[in-house]
Amino acid sequence: PAEVNTETFRAAAERIVARMPAITVAAAKKRHDRGTRLRTYAYAVLGHLDVGAVETKHVASVLDRMPVLGKLKGTIAYVRNDLRQVFEQLVREGARKENPARGVSLPKAAVEDGRPRQVLTDEEITRFRAKRGFDTELDIACLLCRDVAGHRTSDLLAARWEHIDWGPGTIRVRRPKTDTEGRLVTTRRIKSYELV
């Protein structure tokens, strides 16, 4: 009950993020990134508030500050998701009745990242290989990113040798974030593999 145990948003968020699994490199990176985003953008507005006192307007204030700080729409969406996840856990624990981050829209001032993707040319990858070789995991990740379907970082970090079928030259890539039509998955489901 709230009268027995109160906790600030910052304390609750740090506790919840610290409990995130980090059994893979990708999971550890996700936990680190979530903690960094919450410290950087959310704690200034929400950190001192009791978890039960946070309202939708407070969450909107966090997001509304971000375009002023020069942050793009993608980063703002990540922060909104981080807040949703923390509050979802607080609802599960019984510290809150509802999730104040659910249903909060992105600010109208949020700007899309319009920069073109950078792809290494054949000449550039040859120079890279001559200079560095492909001796480390990072080198292999760079090669895969350029030559095998333009993977996301999380896809590369989750890749295993057994996912590669050398006969036809295919690789099975984890796609836990999107369904078959490319929409964001908002419910937990069994992680499937998509042939690339």
Protein backbone atom coordinates (compact mmCIF):
# COMPACT_ATOMS: atom_id res chain seq x y z
CA PRO A 1 0.00 0.00 0.00
CA ALA A 2 1.12 3.55 -0.80
CA GLU A 3 0.97 4.65 2.85
CA VAL A 4 3.41 1.89 3.82
CA ASN A 5 5.94 2.14 1.02
CA THR A 6 6.49 5.22 -1.14
CA GLU A 7 9.17 5.45 -3.77
CA THR A 8 10.32 8.23 -6.08
CA PHE A 9 10.11 7.68 -9.81
CA ARG A 10 13.90 7.77 -10.05
CA ALA A 11 14.36 5.09 -7.39
CA ALA A 12 11.67 2.91 -8.95
CA ALA A 13 13.02 3.32 -12.49
CA GLU A 14 16.59 2.52 -11.44
CA ARG A 15 15.40 -0.56 -9.57
CA ILE A 16 13.30 -1.77 -12.51
CA VAL A 17 16.01 -1.13 -15.10
CA ALA A 18 18.61 -2.89 -12.93
CA ARG A 19 16.39 -6.00 -12.91
CA MET A 20 16.18 -6.14 -16.72
CA PRO A 21 17.84 -9.33 -18.00
CA ALA A 22 21.29 -8.87 -19.51
CA ILE A 23 22.13 -12.42 -20.56
CA THR A 24 23.08 -11.40 -24.10
CA VAL A 25 25.08 -8.48 -25.44
CA ALA A 26 21.94 -7.08 -27.05
CA ALA A 27 19.95 -7.32 -23.79
CA ALA A 28 22.76 -5.66 -21.83
CA LYS A 29 22.87 -2.84 -24.38
CA LYS A 30 19.09 -2.40 -24.17
CA ARG A 31 19.26 -2.14 -20.38
CA HIS A 32 22.16 0.35 -20.55
CA ASP A 33 20.42 2.48 -23.20
CA ARG A 34 17.13 2.57 -21.28
CA GLY A 35 18.88 3.68 -18.09
CA THR A 36 20.82 6.37 -19.95
CA ARG A 37 17.72 7.76 -21.67
CA LEU A 38 15.75 7.90 -18.42
CA ARG A 39 18.62 9.67 -16.61
CA THR A 40 19.13 12.11 -19.46
CA TYR A 41 15.54 13.06 -20.24
CA ALA A 42 13.05 11.87 -17.59
CA TYR A 43 14.59 12.37 -14.16
CA ALA A 44 14.71 16.17 -14.40
CA VAL A 45 10.90 16.23 -14.62
CA LEU A 46 9.80 13.00 -12.90
CA GLY A 47 12.72 11.92 -10.75
CA HIS A 48 11.62 13.58 -7.50
CA LEU A 49 7.92 12.68 -7.81
CA ASP A 50 6.38 9.79 -5.92
CA VAL A 51 5.46 7.03 -8.38
CA GLY A 52 1.82 7.36 -7.39
CA ALA A 53 1.81 11.12 -8.07
CA VAL A 54 2.97 10.97 -11.69
CA GLU A 55 0.23 11.94 -14.11
CA THR A 56 -0.10 11.89 -17.89
CA LYS A 57 0.72 15.63 -18.01
CA HIS A 58 4.10 14.93 -16.36
CA VAL A 59 4.95 12.28 -18.94
CA ALA A 60 3.89 14.69 -21.72
CA SER A 61 6.19 17.35 -20.20
CA VAL A 62 9.17 14.99 -20.51
CA LEU A 63 8.42 14.40 -24.19
CA ASP A 64 7.59 18.05 -24.94
CA ARG A 65 11.04 19.16 -23.70
CA MET A 66 12.90 16.89 -26.08
CA PRO A 67 12.38 18.74 -29.41
CA VAL A 68 13.65 21.89 -27.69
CA LEU A 69 16.78 19.91 -26.82
CA GLY A 70 17.17 19.05 -30.51
CA LYS A 71 16.07 15.42 -30.18
CA LEU A 72 14.46 13.70 -33.15
CA LYS A 73 11.19 11.79 -33.26
CA GLY A 74 12.84 8.37 -33.01
CA THR A 75 14.63 9.24 -29.76
CA ILE A 76 11.45 10.73 -28.30
CA ALA A 77 9.56 7.53 -29.16
CA TYR A 78 12.24 5.48 -27.38
CA VAL A 79 11.87 7.60 -24.23
CA ARG A 80 8.09 7.25 -24.35
CA ASN A 81 8.49 3.47 -24.58
CA ASP A 82 10.98 3.48 -21.68
CA LEU A 83 8.44 5.34 -19.52
CA ARG A 84 5.64 2.98 -20.57
CA GLN A 85 7.72 -0.04 -19.60
CA VAL A 86 8.66 1.35 -16.18
CA PHE A 87 5.07 2.28 -15.36
CA GLU A 88 3.79 -1.04 -16.70
CA GLN A 89 6.03 -2.81 -14.18
CA LEU A 90 4.78 -0.51 -11.40
CA VAL A 91 1.20 -1.45 -12.32
CA ARG A 92 2.15 -5.14 -12.16
CA GLU A 93 3.70 -4.60 -8.73
CA GLY A 94 0.57 -2.84 -7.47
CA ALA A 95 2.32 0.50 -6.91
CA ARG A 96 -0.01 2.14 -9.47
CA LYS A 97 -3.49 1.46 -10.79
CA GLU A 98 -2.84 2.76 -14.30
CA ASN A 99 0.01 3.56 -16.66
CA PRO A 100 0.21 7.36 -17.19
CA ALA A 101 2.51 6.92 -20.20
CA ARG A 102 0.02 4.85 -22.16
CA GLY A 103 -1.77 6.88 -24.81
CA VAL A 104 0.59 9.87 -24.66
CA SER A 105 1.23 11.09 -28.19
CA LEU A 106 4.54 12.38 -29.47
CA PRO A 107 4.91 16.17 -29.54
CA LYS A 108 3.84 17.89 -32.76
CA ALA A 109 7.23 19.61 -32.85
CA ALA A 110 9.01 16.22 -33.11
CA VAL A 111 11.06 16.05 -36.31
CA GLU A 112 11.78 12.89 -38.33
CA ASP A 113 15.39 11.98 -39.02
CA GLY A 114 15.74 12.71 -42.73
CA ARG A 115 19.42 11.83 -43.05
CA PRO A 116 20.18 9.29 -45.78
CA ARG A 117 21.55 5.93 -44.65
CA GLN A 118 25.26 5.52 -45.12
CA VAL A 119 26.22 2.37 -47.02
CA LEU A 120 29.81 1.39 -47.72
CA THR A 121 30.66 0.98 -51.41
CA ASP A 122 32.61 -2.04 -52.68
CA GLU A 123 35.75 0.10 -52.80
CA GLU A 124 35.26 1.31 -49.21
CA ILE A 125 34.70 -2.20 -47.85
CA THR A 126 37.84 -3.38 -49.67
CA ARG A 127 39.85 -0.54 -48.09
CA PHE A 128 38.33 -1.36 -44.69
CA ARG A 129 39.32 -5.01 -45.04
CA ALA A 130 42.87 -4.14 -46.19
CA LYS A 131 43.38 -1.76 -43.28
CA ARG A 132 41.67 -3.68 -40.44
CA GLY A 133 40.97 -7.19 -41.63
CA PHE A 134 38.05 -9.08 -40.18
CA ASP A 135 39.52 -10.41 -36.96
CA THR A 136 37.09 -9.08 -34.36
CA GLU A 137 33.35 -9.39 -33.77
CA LEU A 138 33.00 -5.70 -34.63
CA ASP A 139 34.69 -6.28 -38.00
CA ILE A 140 32.32 -9.14 -38.79
CA ALA A 141 29.35 -7.02 -37.67
CA CYS A 142 30.45 -4.28 -40.10
CA LEU A 143 30.70 -6.79 -42.94
CA LEU A 144 27.28 -8.29 -42.16
CA CYS A 145 25.70 -4.87 -41.85
CA ARG A 146 26.98 -3.91 -45.28
CA ASP A 147 26.59 -7.21 -47.14
CA VAL A 148 23.67 -9.08 -45.54
CA ALA A 149 20.41 -7.14 -45.77
CA GLY A 150 21.48 -4.08 -43.75
CA HIS A 151 20.84 -5.46 -40.27
CA ARG A 152 20.02 -3.45 -37.18
CA THR A 153 22.65 -3.48 -34.45
CA SER A 154 20.49 -5.74 -32.28
CA ASP A 155 20.17 -8.24 -35.16
CA LEU A 156 23.94 -8.40 -35.54
CA LEU A 157 24.56 -8.78 -31.83
CA ALA A 158 22.02 -11.62 -31.64
CA ALA A 159 23.45 -13.48 -34.68
CA ARG A 160 24.96 -16.94 -34.14
CA TRP A 161 26.89 -19.22 -36.49
CA GLU A 162 24.07 -21.78 -36.42
CA HIS A 163 21.75 -19.18 -38.00
CA ILE A 164 23.79 -19.33 -41.22
CA ASP A 165 22.95 -21.88 -43.91
CA TRP A 166 26.04 -21.97 -46.11
CA GLY A 167 24.44 -24.11 -48.87
CA PRO A 168 22.00 -21.59 -50.32
CA GLY A 169 23.82 -18.68 -48.66
CA THR A 170 21.05 -17.57 -46.32
CA ILE A 171 20.92 -16.36 -42.74
CA ARG A 172 18.04 -16.47 -40.28
CA VAL A 173 17.68 -13.11 -38.55
CA ARG A 174 15.79 -12.52 -35.34
CA ARG A 175 12.93 -10.08 -35.83
CA PRO A 176 11.31 -9.88 -32.37
CA LYS A 177 10.35 -6.20 -32.68
CA THR A 178 8.14 -6.30 -35.75
CA ASP A 179 5.51 -8.63 -37.11
CA THR A 180 5.33 -9.82 -40.71
CA GLU A 181 3.82 -6.53 -41.90
CA GLY A 182 6.43 -4.34 -40.21
CA ARG A 183 4.16 -2.99 -37.48
CA LEU A 184 5.45 -2.52 -33.95
CA VAL A 185 4.49 -5.42 -31.70
CA THR A 186 2.98 -4.18 -28.44
CA THR A 187 2.29 -7.53 -26.79
CA ARG A 188 4.65 -10.27 -25.74
CA ARG A 189 4.81 -13.19 -28.12
CA ILE A 190 7.12 -16.04 -28.99
CA LYS A 191 10.11 -14.68 -30.83
CA SER A 192 10.17 -16.01 -34.36
CA TYR A 193 12.81 -15.98 -37.06
CA GLU A 194 12.45 -14.48 -40.48
CA LEU A 195 14.46 -15.80 -43.40
CA VAL A 196 16.48 -13.00 -45.01
